[in-house]
N, C-alpha and C. Protein backbone atom coordinates (compact mmCIF):
# COMPACT_ATOMS: atom_id res chain seq x y z
N MET A 1 100.73 0.09 -70.64
CA MET A 1 101.90 -0.37 -71.47
C MET A 1 101.55 -1.53 -72.21
N LYS A 2 101.85 -1.95 -73.41
CA LYS A 2 101.81 -3.31 -73.99
C LYS A 2 102.88 -4.13 -73.83
N LYS A 3 102.71 -5.29 -73.47
CA LYS A 3 103.77 -6.47 -73.08
C LYS A 3 104.14 -6.71 -74.90
N LYS A 4 105.77 -7.16 -74.94
CA LYS A 4 106.34 -7.84 -75.95
C LYS A 4 105.62 -9.30 -76.25
N GLY A 5 105.37 -9.72 -77.35
CA GLY A 5 104.95 -10.92 -77.75
C GLY A 5 103.36 -10.47 -78.68
N PHE A 6 103.03 -11.85 -79.29
CA PHE A 6 101.92 -12.03 -79.57
C PHE A 6 100.90 -11.96 -79.13
N THR A 7 99.28 -11.73 -79.29
CA THR A 7 97.99 -12.09 -78.58
C THR A 7 98.13 -13.25 -79.16
N LEU A 8 96.93 -14.07 -78.40
CA LEU A 8 95.93 -15.23 -79.02
C LEU A 8 95.65 -15.12 -80.19
N VAL A 9 95.06 -14.31 -80.19
CA VAL A 9 94.49 -13.89 -81.87
C VAL A 9 95.23 -14.06 -82.88
N GLU A 10 96.28 -13.29 -82.58
CA GLU A 10 97.33 -13.06 -83.67
C GLU A 10 98.07 -14.20 -84.11
N LEU A 11 98.34 -15.17 -82.84
CA LEU A 11 98.59 -16.74 -82.93
C LEU A 11 97.86 -17.68 -83.73
N LEU A 12 96.57 -17.23 -83.64
CA LEU A 12 95.38 -18.19 -83.88
C LEU A 12 95.38 -18.13 -85.35
N VAL A 13 95.25 -16.57 -85.72
CA VAL A 13 95.19 -16.24 -87.03
C VAL A 13 96.40 -16.74 -87.76
N VAL A 14 97.79 -16.65 -87.51
CA VAL A 14 98.89 -16.92 -88.03
C VAL A 14 99.03 -18.64 -88.37
N SER A 15 98.53 -19.19 -87.27
CA SER A 15 98.24 -20.93 -87.38
C SER A 15 97.09 -21.58 -88.50
N ALA A 16 96.28 -20.02 -88.75
CA ALA A 16 94.97 -20.86 -89.11
C ALA A 16 95.43 -20.91 -90.68
N ILE A 17 96.30 -19.70 -91.01
CA ILE A 17 96.71 -19.22 -92.57
C ILE A 17 97.79 -20.35 -92.90
N LEU A 18 98.70 -20.80 -91.72
CA LEU A 18 99.89 -21.77 -92.08
C LEU A 18 99.42 -23.05 -92.21
N LEU A 19 97.84 -23.40 -91.47
CA LEU A 19 97.38 -24.64 -92.09
C LEU A 19 96.78 -24.47 -93.40
N ILE A 20 96.22 -23.45 -93.49
CA ILE A 20 95.74 -23.35 -94.71
C ILE A 20 96.53 -23.52 -96.47
N LEU A 21 97.76 -22.97 -96.22
CA LEU A 21 98.75 -22.73 -96.68
C LEU A 21 99.56 -24.31 -96.79
N ILE A 22 99.53 -25.18 -95.93
CA ILE A 22 100.41 -26.45 -96.02
C ILE A 22 99.08 -27.37 -96.79
N ASP A 23 98.10 -27.37 -95.80
CA ASP A 23 96.67 -27.96 -96.61
C ASP A 23 97.17 -28.21 -98.68
N VAL A 24 96.91 -26.96 -98.95
CA VAL A 24 96.88 -26.67 -100.44
C VAL A 24 98.46 -27.35 -100.89
N GLY A 25 99.26 -26.83 -100.37
CA GLY A 25 100.20 -27.39 -100.86
C GLY A 25 100.77 -28.81 -100.91
N TYR A 26 100.00 -29.40 -99.72
CA TYR A 26 100.02 -31.00 -100.20
C TYR A 26 99.25 -31.20 -100.98
N ARG A 27 98.12 -31.01 -101.08
CA ARG A 27 97.16 -31.49 -102.01
C ARG A 27 97.94 -31.10 -103.54
N PHE A 28 98.30 -30.10 -103.63
CA PHE A 28 99.04 -29.80 -105.10
C PHE A 28 99.93 -30.88 -105.40
N PHE A 29 100.75 -30.53 -104.19
CA PHE A 29 102.08 -32.22 -104.50
C PHE A 29 101.80 -33.24 -105.06
N ASN A 30 100.71 -33.64 -104.01
CA ASN A 30 99.89 -35.07 -103.80
C ASN A 30 99.15 -35.51 -105.34
N ASN A 31 98.43 -34.42 -105.78
CA ASN A 31 97.97 -34.58 -107.41
C ASN A 31 99.04 -34.43 -108.52
N ASN A 32 99.91 -33.61 -108.20
CA ASN A 32 100.82 -33.82 -109.10
C ASN A 32 101.81 -35.08 -109.25
N TYR A 33 101.79 -35.73 -108.15
CA TYR A 33 102.61 -36.84 -107.81
C TYR A 33 101.96 -38.17 -108.57
N LYS A 34 100.63 -37.94 -108.23
CA LYS A 34 99.37 -38.90 -108.75
C LYS A 34 99.48 -38.85 -110.33
N VAL A 35 99.60 -37.91 -111.06
CA VAL A 35 99.75 -37.57 -112.49
C VAL A 35 100.97 -37.94 -112.91
N LEU A 36 101.97 -37.58 -112.15
CA LEU A 36 103.51 -38.00 -112.82
C LEU A 36 103.19 -39.63 -112.74
N GLN A 37 102.88 -40.26 -111.36
CA GLN A 37 103.08 -41.71 -111.46
C GLN A 37 101.94 -42.33 -112.92
N GLU A 38 100.83 -41.83 -113.04
CA GLU A 38 99.99 -41.94 -114.26
C GLU A 38 100.57 -42.03 -115.53
N GLU A 39 101.30 -40.99 -115.70
CA GLU A 39 101.85 -40.79 -117.06
C GLU A 39 103.15 -42.14 -117.26
N LYS A 40 103.96 -41.89 -116.06
CA LYS A 40 104.85 -42.68 -115.90
C LYS A 40 104.09 -44.54 -116.25
N LYS A 41 103.51 -44.94 -115.90
CA LYS A 41 102.38 -46.08 -116.28
C LYS A 41 102.40 -45.92 -117.70
N LYS A 42 101.75 -44.95 -117.95
CA LYS A 42 101.15 -44.96 -119.29
C LYS A 42 102.22 -45.07 -120.41
N ALA A 43 103.60 -44.39 -120.30
CA ALA A 43 104.54 -44.43 -121.17
C ALA A 43 105.18 -46.06 -121.06
N TYR A 44 104.93 -46.63 -120.22
CA TYR A 44 105.53 -47.90 -120.07
C TYR A 44 105.01 -48.86 -121.08
N ILE A 45 103.32 -48.77 -120.66
CA ILE A 45 102.17 -49.39 -121.39
C ILE A 45 102.74 -48.98 -123.31
N GLU A 46 102.76 -47.77 -123.03
CA GLU A 46 103.03 -47.45 -124.57
C GLU A 46 104.37 -47.84 -125.00
N SER A 47 105.62 -47.95 -124.73
CA SER A 47 106.92 -48.35 -124.90
C SER A 47 106.56 -49.91 -125.12
N GLN A 48 105.93 -50.99 -124.39
CA GLN A 48 105.55 -52.03 -124.30
C GLN A 48 104.68 -52.54 -126.02
N VAL A 49 103.58 -51.51 -126.17
CA VAL A 49 103.02 -51.97 -127.40
C VAL A 49 104.13 -51.74 -128.69
N LYS A 50 104.70 -50.65 -128.68
CA LYS A 50 105.56 -50.10 -129.81
C LYS A 50 106.25 -51.51 -129.58
N SER A 51 107.00 -51.89 -128.53
CA SER A 51 108.12 -53.07 -128.87
C SER A 51 107.23 -54.29 -129.59
N PHE A 52 105.90 -54.61 -129.00
CA PHE A 52 105.07 -55.76 -129.67
C PHE A 52 105.18 -55.17 -130.64
N MET A 53 104.66 -54.26 -131.22
CA MET A 53 104.20 -53.88 -132.91
C MET A 53 105.26 -54.13 -133.71
N ASP A 54 106.86 -53.55 -133.44
CA ASP A 54 108.09 -53.52 -133.95
C ASP A 54 108.42 -55.09 -134.05
N TYR A 55 108.47 -55.95 -133.36
CA TYR A 55 108.83 -57.09 -133.22
C TYR A 55 107.99 -57.85 -134.20
N VAL A 56 106.28 -58.00 -134.23
CA VAL A 56 106.09 -58.71 -134.88
C VAL A 56 106.10 -58.33 -136.35
N MET A 57 106.19 -56.96 -137.08
CA MET A 57 106.43 -56.51 -138.30
C MET A 57 107.89 -56.76 -138.66
N GLN A 58 108.70 -56.97 -137.64
CA GLN A 58 109.72 -57.34 -138.21
C GLN A 58 110.27 -58.76 -138.60
N SER A 59 109.21 -59.89 -137.30
CA SER A 59 109.30 -61.10 -137.66
C SER A 59 108.86 -61.28 -138.91
N LEU A 60 107.63 -60.70 -139.19
CA LEU A 60 106.73 -60.75 -140.31
C LEU A 60 107.53 -60.57 -141.91
N GLN A 61 108.42 -59.50 -141.67
CA GLN A 61 109.15 -59.18 -142.66
C GLN A 61 110.42 -60.28 -143.05
N MET A 62 110.86 -60.70 -141.86
CA MET A 62 111.79 -61.69 -141.88
C MET A 62 111.24 -63.12 -142.31
N ALA A 63 110.03 -63.53 -142.08
CA ALA A 63 109.94 -64.91 -142.11
C ALA A 63 109.67 -65.11 -143.40
N TYR A 64 109.57 -66.53 -143.93
CA TYR A 64 109.63 -67.41 -144.79
C TYR A 64 108.04 -66.91 -145.36
N GLN A 65 107.40 -66.15 -146.26
CA GLN A 65 106.46 -65.70 -146.54
C GLN A 65 105.37 -66.86 -146.76
N GLU A 66 105.75 -67.85 -147.40
CA GLU A 66 104.70 -68.99 -148.06
C GLU A 66 104.45 -69.69 -146.87
N ASP A 67 104.84 -69.66 -145.80
CA ASP A 67 105.01 -70.44 -144.46
C ASP A 67 104.19 -69.41 -143.26
N ILE A 68 103.68 -68.21 -143.35
CA ILE A 68 103.02 -67.65 -142.43
C ILE A 68 101.93 -67.80 -142.39
N VAL A 69 100.95 -68.72 -141.43
CA VAL A 69 99.69 -68.84 -140.91
C VAL A 69 98.90 -68.35 -140.01
N VAL A 70 97.61 -68.33 -140.17
CA VAL A 70 96.75 -68.03 -138.86
C VAL A 70 96.07 -69.48 -138.82
N LYS A 71 95.91 -69.70 -137.63
CA LYS A 71 95.25 -71.02 -137.43
C LYS A 71 94.67 -70.99 -136.07
N LYS A 72 93.81 -72.02 -135.89
CA LYS A 72 93.32 -72.38 -134.26
C LYS A 72 94.82 -72.33 -133.40
N HIS A 73 94.42 -72.05 -132.35
CA HIS A 73 95.71 -72.67 -131.38
C HIS A 73 95.92 -74.00 -131.13
N ASP A 74 96.88 -74.60 -131.08
CA ASP A 74 96.88 -76.01 -130.67
C ASP A 74 96.18 -76.36 -129.23
N ARG A 75 96.56 -75.67 -128.20
CA ARG A 75 95.96 -76.28 -126.82
C ARG A 75 94.63 -75.31 -126.59
N TYR A 76 94.61 -74.36 -127.13
CA TYR A 76 93.59 -73.21 -126.89
C TYR A 76 92.50 -73.16 -127.83
N ASP A 77 91.57 -74.14 -127.97
CA ASP A 77 90.86 -74.23 -129.45
C ASP A 77 89.98 -72.83 -129.31
N SER A 78 89.47 -72.12 -128.57
CA SER A 78 88.96 -71.15 -129.14
C SER A 78 89.69 -69.73 -129.58
N LYS A 79 90.80 -69.71 -129.56
CA LYS A 79 91.99 -68.99 -129.73
C LYS A 79 92.64 -69.19 -131.16
N ASP A 80 92.86 -68.13 -131.94
CA ASP A 80 93.36 -68.05 -132.92
C ASP A 80 94.94 -67.56 -132.75
N GLU A 81 95.68 -68.17 -133.55
CA GLU A 81 97.46 -67.66 -133.24
C GLU A 81 98.03 -67.34 -135.03
N LEU A 82 98.94 -66.37 -134.83
CA LEU A 82 99.85 -66.39 -135.48
C LEU A 82 101.03 -67.24 -135.88
N VAL A 83 101.59 -67.77 -136.57
CA VAL A 83 102.52 -68.70 -136.85
C VAL A 83 103.46 -68.56 -137.90
N MET A 84 104.86 -68.32 -137.73
CA MET A 84 105.45 -68.01 -138.65
C MET A 84 106.92 -68.23 -138.55
N TYR A 85 107.85 -69.02 -139.40
CA TYR A 85 109.01 -69.32 -139.52
C TYR A 85 110.03 -68.13 -140.07
N VAL A 86 111.27 -67.75 -139.31
CA VAL A 86 112.18 -66.99 -139.19
C VAL A 86 113.25 -67.69 -139.65
N PRO A 87 114.38 -67.13 -140.19
CA PRO A 87 115.69 -68.11 -140.52
C PRO A 87 116.71 -67.80 -139.49
N LYS A 88 117.18 -68.85 -139.35
CA LYS A 88 117.99 -69.06 -138.15
C LYS A 88 119.43 -68.11 -138.84
N GLY A 89 120.25 -68.06 -138.12
CA GLY A 89 121.28 -67.05 -138.89
C GLY A 89 122.43 -67.43 -139.94
N ASN A 90 121.75 -68.33 -140.43
CA ASN A 90 122.17 -68.72 -141.55
C ASN A 90 122.09 -68.06 -142.68
N GLY A 91 120.94 -67.57 -143.10
CA GLY A 91 120.09 -66.97 -143.75
C GLY A 91 119.62 -67.66 -145.05
N ASP A 92 119.21 -68.94 -144.57
CA ASP A 92 118.71 -69.52 -145.94
C ASP A 92 117.42 -69.04 -146.32
N PHE A 93 117.16 -68.97 -147.67
CA PHE A 93 115.98 -68.58 -148.22
C PHE A 93 114.88 -69.61 -148.33
N ILE A 94 115.34 -71.14 -148.06
CA ILE A 94 114.25 -71.80 -148.56
C ILE A 94 114.15 -72.69 -147.34
N LEU A 95 112.82 -72.71 -147.05
CA LEU A 95 112.45 -73.59 -145.50
C LEU A 95 112.87 -75.06 -145.74
N ASP A 96 113.40 -75.53 -144.98
CA ASP A 96 113.65 -77.13 -145.00
C ASP A 96 112.35 -77.88 -144.59
N GLN A 97 112.22 -78.83 -145.46
CA GLN A 97 110.69 -79.77 -145.09
C GLN A 97 110.50 -80.04 -143.88
N ASP A 98 111.71 -80.38 -142.89
CA ASP A 98 111.78 -80.56 -141.22
C ASP A 98 111.92 -79.20 -140.77
N LYS A 99 111.80 -77.93 -141.32
CA LYS A 99 111.74 -76.98 -140.67
C LYS A 99 113.11 -76.34 -139.70
N THR A 100 113.90 -77.28 -139.86
CA THR A 100 115.17 -77.14 -138.55
C THR A 100 116.00 -75.85 -138.70
N ASN A 101 115.66 -75.32 -140.12
CA ASN A 101 116.83 -74.29 -140.36
C ASN A 101 116.31 -72.77 -140.10
N ALA A 102 114.64 -73.10 -139.16
CA ALA A 102 114.11 -71.59 -139.12
C ALA A 102 113.54 -71.94 -137.16
N ASP A 103 113.25 -70.70 -136.56
CA ASP A 103 112.64 -70.68 -135.78
C ASP A 103 111.20 -70.38 -135.54
N MET A 104 110.44 -70.84 -135.02
CA MET A 104 109.30 -70.83 -134.82
C MET A 104 108.84 -69.75 -134.12
N ILE A 105 108.09 -68.79 -134.69
CA ILE A 105 107.34 -67.65 -133.73
C ILE A 105 105.99 -67.89 -133.70
N GLU A 106 105.36 -67.90 -132.65
CA GLU A 106 103.77 -67.98 -132.35
C GLU A 106 103.45 -66.76 -131.70
N VAL A 107 102.19 -65.87 -132.03
CA VAL A 107 101.97 -64.91 -131.44
C VAL A 107 99.99 -65.07 -131.15
N TYR A 108 99.92 -65.08 -129.93
CA TYR A 108 98.32 -65.00 -129.46
C TYR A 108 98.00 -64.49 -128.36
N SER A 109 96.70 -64.62 -127.96
CA SER A 109 96.22 -63.87 -126.88
C SER A 109 95.58 -64.55 -126.01
N LEU A 110 96.12 -64.78 -124.80
CA LEU A 110 94.84 -65.25 -123.68
C LEU A 110 94.45 -64.65 -122.59
N SER A 111 93.01 -64.34 -122.37
CA SER A 111 92.59 -63.32 -121.76
C SER A 111 92.87 -62.14 -121.62
N ASP A 112 93.77 -61.50 -121.00
CA ASP A 112 94.11 -60.29 -121.34
C ASP A 112 95.47 -59.86 -121.59
N GLU A 113 96.15 -60.83 -121.66
CA GLU A 113 97.80 -60.57 -122.10
C GLU A 113 97.82 -61.00 -123.50
N ILE A 114 98.92 -60.98 -123.90
CA ILE A 114 99.70 -61.14 -125.38
C ILE A 114 101.01 -62.27 -125.06
N HIS A 115 100.86 -63.25 -125.65
CA HIS A 115 101.63 -64.29 -125.76
C HIS A 115 102.90 -64.23 -127.06
N ILE A 116 104.00 -64.63 -127.02
CA ILE A 116 104.84 -64.54 -127.97
C ILE A 116 105.63 -65.64 -127.71
N GLN A 117 105.54 -66.47 -128.49
CA GLN A 117 106.30 -68.02 -128.14
C GLN A 117 107.22 -68.10 -128.87
N LYS A 118 108.34 -68.21 -129.03
CA LYS A 118 109.62 -68.31 -129.82
C LYS A 118 110.32 -69.80 -129.46
N ASN A 119 110.60 -71.09 -130.56
CA ASN A 119 111.58 -71.94 -129.88
C ASN A 119 111.00 -72.24 -128.62
N ASN A 120 109.50 -72.47 -127.92
CA ASN A 120 109.12 -73.02 -126.80
C ASN A 120 109.48 -71.74 -125.67
N THR A 121 109.96 -70.90 -126.26
CA THR A 121 110.13 -69.75 -124.55
C THR A 121 109.12 -68.80 -124.86
N GLU A 122 108.75 -68.83 -124.19
CA GLU A 122 107.25 -67.54 -124.04
C GLU A 122 107.57 -66.60 -123.34
N ASN A 123 106.87 -65.46 -123.74
CA ASN A 123 106.99 -63.97 -123.14
C ASN A 123 105.61 -63.38 -122.96
N ILE A 124 105.11 -62.67 -122.14
CA ILE A 124 103.98 -62.50 -122.02
C ILE A 124 104.03 -60.96 -121.65
N ILE A 125 103.36 -60.35 -122.58
CA ILE A 125 103.39 -58.61 -122.51
C ILE A 125 102.12 -58.18 -122.27
N LEU A 126 101.86 -56.81 -122.06
CA LEU A 126 100.81 -56.04 -121.47
C LEU A 126 99.88 -56.83 -120.77
N ASP A 127 100.42 -57.40 -119.91
CA ASP A 127 99.36 -58.48 -118.97
C ASP A 127 98.44 -57.49 -118.25
N GLY A 128 97.16 -58.20 -118.38
CA GLY A 128 96.38 -57.23 -117.79
C GLY A 128 95.62 -56.10 -118.57
N ASN A 129 96.01 -55.74 -119.69
CA ASN A 129 95.83 -54.89 -120.39
C ASN A 129 94.96 -54.70 -121.69
N ILE A 130 94.92 -56.15 -122.09
CA ILE A 130 94.37 -56.45 -123.55
C ILE A 130 92.95 -56.75 -123.41
N GLU A 131 92.19 -55.96 -124.03
CA GLU A 131 90.91 -56.60 -124.12
C GLU A 131 90.45 -57.33 -125.36
N ASP A 132 90.57 -56.72 -126.73
CA ASP A 132 90.28 -57.43 -127.55
C ASP A 132 91.41 -57.66 -128.46
N PHE A 133 91.83 -58.66 -128.82
CA PHE A 133 92.68 -59.07 -129.57
C PHE A 133 92.58 -59.82 -130.56
N ARG A 134 92.56 -59.94 -132.06
CA ARG A 134 91.99 -60.49 -133.00
C ARG A 134 92.80 -60.33 -134.30
N PHE A 135 93.10 -61.69 -135.29
CA PHE A 135 93.51 -61.52 -136.54
C PHE A 135 92.38 -61.52 -137.23
N GLU A 136 92.65 -61.12 -138.45
CA GLU A 136 91.73 -60.82 -139.51
C GLU A 136 92.85 -61.10 -141.01
N THR A 137 92.44 -61.96 -141.72
CA THR A 137 93.25 -62.45 -143.08
C THR A 137 92.70 -62.11 -144.21
N LYS A 138 93.33 -62.14 -145.46
CA LYS A 138 91.75 -62.48 -146.44
C LYS A 138 93.29 -63.22 -147.41
N THR A 139 92.74 -64.14 -147.89
CA THR A 139 93.16 -65.09 -148.88
C THR A 139 92.82 -64.77 -150.27
N GLU A 140 93.65 -65.46 -151.23
CA GLU A 140 93.05 -65.05 -152.80
C GLU A 140 93.39 -66.91 -153.29
N LYS A 141 92.86 -67.20 -154.58
CA LYS A 141 93.65 -68.15 -155.12
C LYS A 141 94.81 -67.91 -156.20
N THR A 142 95.28 -68.89 -156.23
CA THR A 142 96.30 -68.62 -157.16
C THR A 142 97.12 -69.94 -157.77
N ILE A 143 97.64 -69.50 -159.04
CA ILE A 143 98.36 -71.01 -159.73
C ILE A 143 99.46 -71.29 -159.39
N ILE A 144 99.97 -72.58 -158.54
CA ILE A 144 101.00 -72.55 -158.26
C ILE A 144 101.79 -73.91 -158.92
N GLN A 145 103.28 -73.48 -159.25
CA GLN A 145 103.82 -74.43 -159.98
C GLN A 145 104.80 -75.56 -159.17
N LYS A 146 104.14 -76.84 -159.21
CA LYS A 146 104.97 -77.41 -158.26
C LYS A 146 106.13 -78.00 -158.72
N LEU A 147 106.90 -78.62 -158.05
CA LEU A 147 108.71 -79.31 -158.45
C LEU A 147 108.53 -80.04 -159.62
N ASP A 148 107.57 -80.53 -159.84
CA ASP A 148 107.50 -82.07 -160.90
C ASP A 148 106.85 -81.18 -162.38
N GLY A 149 106.72 -79.56 -162.31
CA GLY A 149 106.18 -78.78 -163.12
C GLY A 149 104.92 -78.99 -163.44
N THR A 150 103.98 -79.37 -162.88
CA THR A 150 102.67 -79.46 -162.72
C THR A 150 101.92 -78.08 -161.95
N PHE A 151 100.94 -77.67 -162.29
CA PHE A 151 100.41 -76.45 -161.94
C PHE A 151 99.10 -76.97 -160.64
N GLU A 152 98.98 -76.02 -159.49
CA GLU A 152 97.65 -76.35 -158.88
C GLU A 152 97.13 -75.21 -158.48
N GLU A 153 95.90 -75.29 -158.19
CA GLU A 153 95.15 -73.73 -157.89
C GLU A 153 95.48 -73.99 -156.00
N LYS A 154 95.86 -72.97 -155.33
CA LYS A 154 96.26 -72.96 -154.13
C LYS A 154 95.65 -71.46 -153.67
N GLU A 155 95.01 -71.69 -152.44
CA GLU A 155 94.52 -70.44 -151.73
C GLU A 155 95.63 -70.01 -150.71
N VAL A 156 96.35 -68.84 -151.09
CA VAL A 156 97.08 -68.40 -150.32
C VAL A 156 96.45 -67.31 -149.45
N LEU A 157 97.56 -66.81 -148.58
CA LEU A 157 97.43 -65.54 -147.75
C LEU A 157 97.80 -64.35 -148.33
N LYS A 158 96.81 -63.41 -148.38
CA LYS A 158 97.01 -62.27 -148.82
C LYS A 158 97.90 -61.14 -148.18
N TYR A 159 97.09 -60.98 -146.83
CA TYR A 159 97.40 -60.19 -145.84
C TYR A 159 97.16 -60.14 -144.27
N ILE A 160 97.45 -59.89 -143.54
CA ILE A 160 97.17 -60.26 -142.22
C ILE A 160 96.53 -58.72 -141.64
N GLU A 161 95.87 -58.67 -140.68
CA GLU A 161 95.66 -57.87 -139.90
C GLU A 161 95.48 -57.98 -138.24
N ILE A 162 96.05 -57.71 -137.40
CA ILE A 162 96.17 -57.58 -135.93
C ILE A 162 95.74 -56.54 -135.33
N LYS A 163 94.45 -56.49 -134.77
CA LYS A 163 93.76 -55.58 -134.25
C LYS A 163 93.65 -55.62 -132.97
N PHE A 164 93.79 -54.98 -131.96
CA PHE A 164 93.58 -55.26 -130.49
C PHE A 164 93.63 -53.68 -129.75
N THR A 165 92.96 -53.99 -128.66
CA THR A 165 92.78 -52.50 -128.14
C THR A 165 93.16 -52.87 -126.60
N VAL A 166 93.91 -51.95 -126.00
CA VAL A 166 94.69 -51.40 -124.64
C VAL A 166 94.01 -50.77 -123.98
N ASP A 167 93.54 -51.34 -122.79
CA ASP A 167 93.06 -50.68 -121.50
C ASP A 167 94.30 -49.92 -120.70
N TYR A 168 94.43 -48.81 -120.66
CA TYR A 168 95.63 -48.14 -119.73
C TYR A 168 95.17 -48.56 -118.24
N LYS A 169 94.13 -48.26 -117.97
CA LYS A 169 93.35 -48.38 -116.80
C LYS A 169 94.06 -47.31 -115.95
N ILE A 170 93.97 -46.33 -116.63
CA ILE A 170 94.00 -44.67 -116.35
C ILE A 170 92.87 -43.85 -116.88
N ARG A 171 92.43 -43.28 -116.09
CA ARG A 171 91.26 -42.29 -116.31
C ARG A 171 90.29 -42.59 -117.56
N GLY A 172 90.25 -44.04 -117.67
CA GLY A 172 89.36 -44.43 -118.74
C GLY A 172 89.96 -44.62 -120.06
N ILE A 173 91.09 -44.52 -120.16
CA ILE A 173 91.92 -44.47 -121.48
C ILE A 173 92.03 -45.66 -122.09
N LYS A 174 91.71 -45.84 -123.32
CA LYS A 174 91.48 -47.26 -123.94
C LYS A 174 91.99 -46.73 -125.41
N ARG A 175 92.56 -47.54 -126.20
CA ARG A 175 93.14 -47.10 -127.67
C ARG A 175 93.26 -48.46 -128.34
N ASP A 176 93.02 -48.19 -129.56
CA ASP A 176 92.63 -49.42 -130.54
C ASP A 176 94.21 -49.32 -131.20
N TYR A 177 94.66 -50.35 -131.48
CA TYR A 177 96.17 -50.59 -132.31
C TYR A 177 95.95 -51.53 -133.46
N LEU A 178 96.53 -51.23 -134.47
CA LEU A 178 96.56 -52.11 -135.89
C LEU A 178 97.97 -52.38 -136.76
N ILE A 179 98.02 -53.64 -136.87
CA ILE A 179 99.35 -54.30 -137.37
C ILE A 179 98.57 -54.77 -138.89
N LYS A 180 99.25 -54.04 -139.70
CA LYS A 180 98.61 -54.68 -141.25
C LYS A 180 99.89 -55.02 -141.90
N TYR A 181 100.00 -56.39 -142.50
CA TYR A 181 100.90 -56.74 -143.25
C TYR A 181 100.75 -57.62 -144.25
N ASN A 182 101.22 -57.09 -145.33
CA ASN A 182 100.73 -57.52 -147.11
C ASN A 182 101.82 -58.70 -147.20
N ILE A 183 101.38 -59.95 -147.42
CA ILE A 183 102.39 -61.06 -147.68
C ILE A 183 103.05 -60.87 -149.17
N ARG A 184 104.08 -61.02 -149.01
CA ARG A 184 105.21 -60.67 -150.20
C ARG A 184 105.23 -62.04 -151.20
N ARG A 185 105.04 -62.03 -152.55
CA ARG A 185 104.83 -63.94 -152.91
C ARG A 185 106.15 -63.41 -154.34
């Protein structure tokens, strides 16, 4: 007569099957969790890039076009910076000689991050993700009439390109971005 219950072999087989199922389930959920975290990080970086690009483009459109310049940074000689003046709330169309009716905005990159400075308040974005950040410009000679009625030939900025590479640090993903702005005259 057979006793009630399971044999040792049956218990071992069921235990082995359960352990295999638990292991497979753990690996599945662990991999999905890692992918979810990577996608979350990627979305965050993409939102920072879009925000930066929108801010720079909007600032360039609002800026006094004659006073947009790309020059060597004052403190970091090896770095270029974009400097522009955006009207304060009063909406003046002409920039004062002392530039008190405008906010100064500077955009530059140090090592692997982008700095945006507005009236000496500095914001750092994409910290640790920027690889190659550079400005490219094209100038043209034009004849400008001075206030006294005389004419002079002056070299003016025609367009600005901001090129940068973002390293997502996820599965080797790197993307190149470009902001191109034609100066209105």
